[in-house]
Amino acid sequence: MPSNVYWLDEPHIMVAEYSGSVSHEDIQSAMDQCLSVLSQHSCHFLVDTTQVTTLPKDLLRLGPVLTLINHSNRGWLIFLAHQNIMIKFAVQVMVRNKFRFMTSREEAVTFLTDIVKQVGEVSLS
């Protein structure tokens, strides 16, 4: 399955994992789940693209991706991406605040869980 969305720490941290050849439908399905959460409350996201082989060429034009990135309830957005230049470029173009690239899942999980512990909830500032 090219996309898998699940809770790491409900309701604070959600993970979206992608693998193989990712289609528009895979991204749409994952974004629907994430946006459903953001319509109810704030949340941080860990996006793991370390197993992706191909992405849609028009990734920057996918409405649900832009909606998630700019959503007022979005907390931190952490991307795990090993040497995927397209993903790194797309994220740097689209995301202006509260995001980081990391190469270690352990580091990403520690970063997000520490944020949740520090503030007791998702901080939007």
N, C-alpha and C. Protein backbone atom coordinates (compact mmCIF):
# COMPACT_ATOMS: atom_id res chain seq x y z
N MET A 1 0.85 -1.18 0.00
CA MET A 1 0.00 0.00 0.00
C MET A 1 0.90 1.24 0.00
N PRO A 2 0.75 2.12 -0.98
CA PRO A 2 1.61 3.30 -1.09
C PRO A 2 1.41 4.35 0.01
N SER A 3 0.25 4.39 0.67
CA SER A 3 0.08 5.36 1.76
C SER A 3 -0.59 4.70 2.95
N ASN A 4 -0.16 5.13 4.13
CA ASN A 4 -0.69 4.61 5.38
C ASN A 4 -0.70 5.75 6.39
N VAL A 5 -1.86 6.05 6.95
CA VAL A 5 -1.99 7.13 7.93
C VAL A 5 -2.47 6.53 9.24
N TYR A 6 -1.79 6.90 10.33
CA TYR A 6 -2.16 6.36 11.64
C TYR A 6 -1.69 7.30 12.75
N TRP A 7 -2.24 7.08 13.94
CA TRP A 7 -1.87 7.88 15.10
C TRP A 7 -0.58 7.36 15.70
N LEU A 8 0.32 8.27 16.02
CA LEU A 8 1.50 7.96 16.81
C LEU A 8 1.18 8.25 18.27
N ASP A 9 0.47 9.36 18.50
CA ASP A 9 0.07 9.78 19.84
C ASP A 9 -1.25 10.53 19.70
N GLU A 10 -2.35 9.79 19.75
CA GLU A 10 -3.67 10.40 19.55
C GLU A 10 -4.01 11.31 20.72
N PRO A 11 -4.48 12.50 20.52
CA PRO A 11 -4.82 13.20 19.28
C PRO A 11 -3.76 14.22 18.87
N HIS A 12 -2.51 14.01 19.30
CA HIS A 12 -1.48 15.03 19.10
C HIS A 12 -0.60 14.85 17.87
N ILE A 13 -0.25 13.59 17.55
CA ILE A 13 0.73 13.34 16.48
C ILE A 13 0.19 12.26 15.55
N MET A 14 0.14 12.59 14.27
CA MET A 14 -0.32 11.65 13.25
C MET A 14 0.84 11.39 12.28
N VAL A 15 0.94 10.15 11.81
CA VAL A 15 1.98 9.75 10.86
C VAL A 15 1.34 9.45 9.51
N ALA A 16 1.97 9.94 8.44
CA ALA A 16 1.58 9.58 7.08
C ALA A 16 2.83 8.98 6.42
N GLU A 17 2.75 7.68 6.13
CA GLU A 17 3.86 6.99 5.49
C GLU A 17 3.52 6.73 4.02
N TYR A 18 4.51 6.94 3.17
CA TYR A 18 4.34 6.68 1.75
C TYR A 18 5.45 5.74 1.29
N SER A 19 5.12 4.86 0.33
CA SER A 19 6.14 3.95 -0.20
C SER A 19 5.85 3.62 -1.66
N GLY A 20 6.91 3.25 -2.36
CA GLY A 20 6.78 2.85 -3.75
C GLY A 20 6.39 4.00 -4.65
N SER A 21 5.58 3.67 -5.64
CA SER A 21 5.10 4.65 -6.61
C SER A 21 3.80 5.26 -6.07
N VAL A 22 3.87 6.51 -5.68
CA VAL A 22 2.74 7.19 -5.04
C VAL A 22 1.91 7.92 -6.09
N SER A 23 0.60 7.68 -6.08
CA SER A 23 -0.31 8.29 -7.05
C SER A 23 -1.07 9.46 -6.43
N HIS A 24 -1.79 10.20 -7.28
CA HIS A 24 -2.68 11.26 -6.79
C HIS A 24 -3.68 10.68 -5.79
N GLU A 25 -4.23 9.52 -6.09
CA GLU A 25 -5.23 8.90 -5.23
C GLU A 25 -4.66 8.55 -3.86
N ASP A 26 -3.41 8.09 -3.82
CA ASP A 26 -2.75 7.77 -2.55
C ASP A 26 -2.62 9.03 -1.69
N ILE A 27 -2.19 10.11 -2.32
CA ILE A 27 -2.04 11.37 -1.59
C ILE A 27 -3.39 11.90 -1.16
N GLN A 28 -4.37 11.84 -2.03
CA GLN A 28 -5.73 12.31 -1.72
C GLN A 28 -6.29 11.56 -0.51
N SER A 29 -6.13 10.25 -0.50
CA SER A 29 -6.64 9.44 0.61
C SER A 29 -5.99 9.83 1.94
N ALA A 30 -4.66 9.98 1.92
CA ALA A 30 -3.95 10.37 3.14
C ALA A 30 -4.35 11.78 3.58
N MET A 31 -4.44 12.70 2.63
CA MET A 31 -4.81 14.08 2.96
C MET A 31 -6.23 14.16 3.51
N ASP A 32 -7.14 13.36 2.98
CA ASP A 32 -8.52 13.34 3.50
C ASP A 32 -8.53 12.98 4.98
N GLN A 33 -7.73 11.99 5.34
CA GLN A 33 -7.67 11.57 6.74
C GLN A 33 -7.06 12.66 7.62
N CYS A 34 -5.99 13.26 7.15
CA CYS A 34 -5.32 14.31 7.92
C CYS A 34 -6.20 15.55 8.05
N LEU A 35 -6.84 15.96 6.96
CA LEU A 35 -7.69 17.14 7.00
C LEU A 35 -8.92 16.92 7.87
N SER A 36 -9.41 15.70 7.94
CA SER A 36 -10.53 15.39 8.82
C SER A 36 -10.16 15.66 10.27
N VAL A 37 -8.95 15.31 10.64
CA VAL A 37 -8.46 15.57 12.00
C VAL A 37 -8.34 17.07 12.22
N LEU A 38 -7.73 17.78 11.27
CA LEU A 38 -7.52 19.22 11.43
C LEU A 38 -8.83 20.01 11.47
N SER A 39 -9.89 19.46 10.93
CA SER A 39 -11.18 20.14 11.00
C SER A 39 -11.74 20.10 12.42
N GLN A 40 -11.19 19.21 13.25
CA GLN A 40 -11.67 19.05 14.62
C GLN A 40 -10.75 19.66 15.67
N HIS A 41 -9.43 19.56 15.43
CA HIS A 41 -8.47 20.07 16.42
C HIS A 41 -7.08 20.17 15.80
N SER A 42 -6.16 20.74 16.55
CA SER A 42 -4.78 20.89 16.10
C SER A 42 -4.04 19.56 16.16
N CYS A 43 -3.03 19.43 15.31
CA CYS A 43 -2.28 18.18 15.25
C CYS A 43 -0.93 18.41 14.60
N HIS A 44 0.09 17.67 15.07
CA HIS A 44 1.40 17.64 14.43
C HIS A 44 1.42 16.44 13.48
N PHE A 45 2.29 16.51 12.44
CA PHE A 45 2.37 15.44 11.46
C PHE A 45 3.81 15.03 11.21
N LEU A 46 4.00 13.73 11.12
CA LEU A 46 5.26 13.14 10.69
C LEU A 46 5.00 12.48 9.35
N VAL A 47 5.67 12.98 8.30
CA VAL A 47 5.47 12.46 6.95
C VAL A 47 6.73 11.70 6.56
N ASP A 48 6.58 10.38 6.41
CA ASP A 48 7.72 9.51 6.11
C ASP A 48 7.70 9.16 4.62
N THR A 49 8.66 9.70 3.89
CA THR A 49 8.77 9.44 2.45
C THR A 49 10.04 8.67 2.11
N THR A 50 10.62 8.03 3.10
CA THR A 50 11.91 7.35 2.89
C THR A 50 11.82 6.17 1.94
N GLN A 51 10.63 5.62 1.74
CA GLN A 51 10.47 4.46 0.86
C GLN A 51 9.81 4.80 -0.48
N VAL A 52 9.67 6.08 -0.79
CA VAL A 52 9.04 6.51 -2.03
C VAL A 52 10.01 6.35 -3.21
N THR A 53 9.47 5.80 -4.31
CA THR A 53 10.28 5.69 -5.53
C THR A 53 9.86 6.73 -6.57
N THR A 54 8.55 7.01 -6.67
CA THR A 54 8.08 8.05 -7.59
C THR A 54 6.89 8.79 -6.99
N LEU A 55 6.78 10.05 -7.40
CA LEU A 55 5.68 10.93 -6.97
C LEU A 55 5.04 11.55 -8.20
N PRO A 56 3.79 12.03 -8.07
CA PRO A 56 3.18 12.76 -9.19
C PRO A 56 4.02 14.00 -9.50
N LYS A 57 4.20 14.29 -10.78
CA LYS A 57 5.01 15.44 -11.18
C LYS A 57 4.39 16.76 -10.78
N ASP A 58 3.08 16.78 -10.64
CA ASP A 58 2.39 18.02 -10.28
C ASP A 58 2.04 18.07 -8.79
N LEU A 59 2.92 17.52 -7.97
CA LEU A 59 2.70 17.49 -6.53
C LEU A 59 2.41 18.87 -5.96
N LEU A 60 3.08 19.90 -6.48
CA LEU A 60 2.89 21.26 -5.97
C LEU A 60 1.50 21.81 -6.26
N ARG A 61 0.78 21.19 -7.16
CA ARG A 61 -0.55 21.68 -7.53
C ARG A 61 -1.69 20.91 -6.88
N LEU A 62 -1.39 19.95 -6.06
CA LEU A 62 -2.43 19.14 -5.43
C LEU A 62 -3.09 19.94 -4.31
N GLY A 63 -4.34 20.29 -4.51
CA GLY A 63 -5.09 21.12 -3.57
C GLY A 63 -5.07 20.62 -2.13
N PRO A 64 -5.31 19.32 -1.88
CA PRO A 64 -5.33 18.84 -0.50
C PRO A 64 -3.99 19.02 0.22
N VAL A 65 -2.89 18.90 -0.51
CA VAL A 65 -1.58 19.09 0.09
C VAL A 65 -1.43 20.54 0.54
N LEU A 66 -1.80 21.47 -0.33
CA LEU A 66 -1.71 22.89 0.01
C LEU A 66 -2.65 23.25 1.15
N THR A 67 -3.83 22.64 1.16
CA THR A 67 -4.79 22.89 2.24
C THR A 67 -4.21 22.45 3.58
N LEU A 68 -3.60 21.28 3.62
CA LEU A 68 -3.01 20.79 4.86
C LEU A 68 -1.87 21.70 5.30
N ILE A 69 -0.99 22.03 4.38
CA ILE A 69 0.17 22.86 4.72
C ILE A 69 -0.24 24.21 5.30
N ASN A 70 -1.30 24.78 4.76
CA ASN A 70 -1.73 26.12 5.18
C ASN A 70 -2.85 26.11 6.22
N HIS A 71 -3.25 24.95 6.69
CA HIS A 71 -4.37 24.87 7.63
C HIS A 71 -4.01 25.52 8.97
N SER A 72 -4.93 26.27 9.51
CA SER A 72 -4.68 26.99 10.77
C SER A 72 -4.48 26.06 11.96
N ASN A 73 -4.94 24.83 11.89
CA ASN A 73 -4.77 23.88 12.99
C ASN A 73 -3.54 22.99 12.84
N ARG A 74 -2.76 23.19 11.77
CA ARG A 74 -1.57 22.36 11.60
C ARG A 74 -0.49 22.79 12.57
N GLY A 75 0.02 21.81 13.30
CA GLY A 75 1.17 22.05 14.16
C GLY A 75 2.45 21.84 13.35
N TRP A 76 3.44 21.21 13.97
CA TRP A 76 4.69 20.94 13.28
C TRP A 76 4.49 19.90 12.19
N LEU A 77 5.26 20.05 11.13
CA LEU A 77 5.25 19.13 10.00
C LEU A 77 6.69 18.65 9.82
N ILE A 78 6.92 17.38 10.16
CA ILE A 78 8.27 16.82 10.08
C ILE A 78 8.32 15.86 8.89
N PHE A 79 9.29 16.03 8.01
CA PHE A 79 9.46 15.17 6.85
C PHE A 79 10.69 14.30 7.03
N LEU A 80 10.48 13.01 6.89
CA LEU A 80 11.59 12.07 6.80
C LEU A 80 11.81 11.82 5.32
N ALA A 81 12.95 12.24 4.82
CA ALA A 81 13.22 12.08 3.39
C ALA A 81 14.71 11.86 3.20
N HIS A 82 15.07 10.67 2.72
CA HIS A 82 16.47 10.36 2.46
C HIS A 82 16.82 10.70 1.02
N GLN A 83 17.50 11.78 0.82
CA GLN A 83 18.03 12.16 -0.48
C GLN A 83 16.98 12.28 -1.59
N ASN A 84 15.73 12.54 -1.23
CA ASN A 84 14.72 12.72 -2.26
C ASN A 84 14.64 14.20 -2.58
N ILE A 85 15.34 14.60 -3.61
CA ILE A 85 15.47 16.02 -3.97
C ILE A 85 14.13 16.64 -4.32
N MET A 86 13.26 15.90 -5.02
CA MET A 86 11.96 16.45 -5.40
C MET A 86 11.12 16.78 -4.18
N ILE A 87 11.09 15.87 -3.21
CA ILE A 87 10.30 16.11 -2.00
C ILE A 87 10.88 17.30 -1.24
N LYS A 88 12.18 17.34 -1.09
CA LYS A 88 12.79 18.45 -0.35
C LYS A 88 12.52 19.79 -1.03
N PHE A 89 12.63 19.83 -2.34
CA PHE A 89 12.36 21.06 -3.06
C PHE A 89 10.89 21.47 -2.88
N ALA A 90 9.98 20.52 -3.08
CA ALA A 90 8.55 20.82 -2.97
C ALA A 90 8.20 21.36 -1.59
N VAL A 91 8.73 20.74 -0.56
CA VAL A 91 8.43 21.17 0.80
C VAL A 91 9.00 22.56 1.07
N GLN A 92 10.21 22.80 0.63
CA GLN A 92 10.81 24.11 0.85
C GLN A 92 10.06 25.22 0.14
N VAL A 93 9.48 24.92 -1.01
CA VAL A 93 8.70 25.90 -1.75
C VAL A 93 7.36 26.16 -1.07
N MET A 94 6.72 25.09 -0.58
CA MET A 94 5.34 25.19 -0.08
C MET A 94 5.22 25.56 1.40
N VAL A 95 6.09 25.05 2.24
CA VAL A 95 5.93 25.20 3.68
C VAL A 95 6.80 26.34 4.19
N ARG A 96 6.17 27.27 4.86
CA ARG A 96 6.90 28.46 5.31
C ARG A 96 7.26 28.44 6.80
N ASN A 97 6.53 27.68 7.60
CA ASN A 97 6.82 27.69 9.03
C ASN A 97 6.52 26.33 9.67
N LYS A 98 7.07 26.11 10.80
CA LYS A 98 6.89 24.90 11.61
C LYS A 98 7.09 23.62 10.80
N PHE A 99 8.26 23.51 10.17
CA PHE A 99 8.59 22.26 9.51
C PHE A 99 10.10 22.03 9.57
N ARG A 100 10.44 20.74 9.53
CA ARG A 100 11.85 20.35 9.50
C ARG A 100 12.00 19.09 8.67
N PHE A 101 13.18 18.95 8.08
CA PHE A 101 13.57 17.70 7.46
C PHE A 101 14.40 16.94 8.49
N MET A 102 14.16 15.66 8.59
CA MET A 102 14.97 14.81 9.44
C MET A 102 15.22 13.51 8.70
N THR A 103 16.32 12.84 9.03
CA THR A 103 16.62 11.58 8.37
C THR A 103 16.46 10.39 9.31
N SER A 104 16.21 10.66 10.58
CA SER A 104 16.04 9.60 11.57
C SER A 104 14.61 9.64 12.13
N ARG A 105 13.91 8.52 12.03
CA ARG A 105 12.55 8.45 12.58
C ARG A 105 12.59 8.66 14.09
N GLU A 106 13.59 8.10 14.74
CA GLU A 106 13.72 8.26 16.19
C GLU A 106 13.86 9.73 16.57
N GLU A 107 14.67 10.46 15.84
CA GLU A 107 14.86 11.89 16.08
C GLU A 107 13.54 12.65 15.87
N ALA A 108 12.81 12.31 14.82
CA ALA A 108 11.55 12.98 14.52
C ALA A 108 10.51 12.71 15.61
N VAL A 109 10.40 11.47 16.04
CA VAL A 109 9.43 11.11 17.09
C VAL A 109 9.80 11.81 18.39
N THR A 110 11.07 11.82 18.73
CA THR A 110 11.51 12.50 19.96
C THR A 110 11.20 13.98 19.89
N PHE A 111 11.48 14.62 18.77
CA PHE A 111 11.20 16.05 18.60
C PHE A 111 9.71 16.34 18.83
N LEU A 112 8.84 15.59 18.17
CA LEU A 112 7.40 15.85 18.28
C LEU A 112 6.86 15.51 19.67
N THR A 113 7.30 14.41 20.26
CA THR A 113 6.79 14.06 21.60
C THR A 113 7.29 15.06 22.64
N ASP A 114 8.50 15.59 22.46
CA ASP A 114 8.98 16.63 23.38
C ASP A 114 8.14 17.89 23.28
N ILE A 115 7.74 18.27 22.07
CA ILE A 115 6.88 19.44 21.90
C ILE A 115 5.56 19.23 22.62
N VAL A 116 4.97 18.07 22.44
CA VAL A 116 3.68 17.77 23.09
C VAL A 116 3.85 17.79 24.61
N LYS A 117 4.94 17.23 25.13
CA LYS A 117 5.17 17.22 26.57
C LYS A 117 5.36 18.63 27.12
N GLN A 118 6.07 19.47 26.37
CA GLN A 118 6.37 20.83 26.83
C GLN A 118 5.13 21.68 26.97
N VAL A 119 4.22 21.56 26.05
CA VAL A 119 3.06 22.45 26.07
C VAL A 119 1.77 21.74 26.49
N GLY A 120 1.81 20.40 26.54
CA GLY A 120 0.62 19.66 26.97
C GLY A 120 -0.44 19.54 25.89
N GLU A 121 -0.24 20.23 24.78
CA GLU A 121 -1.16 20.17 23.64
C GLU A 121 -0.42 20.73 22.45
N VAL A 122 -1.06 20.72 21.32
CA VAL A 122 -0.43 21.25 20.12
C VAL A 122 -0.36 22.76 20.21
N SER A 123 0.83 23.30 20.08
CA SER A 123 1.01 24.74 20.09
C SER A 123 1.01 25.25 18.66
N LEU A 124 0.24 26.27 18.38
CA LEU A 124 0.16 26.83 17.04
C LEU A 124 1.05 28.05 16.87
N SER A 125 1.83 28.35 17.86
CA SER A 125 2.71 29.53 17.74
C SER A 125 4.12 29.15 17.43
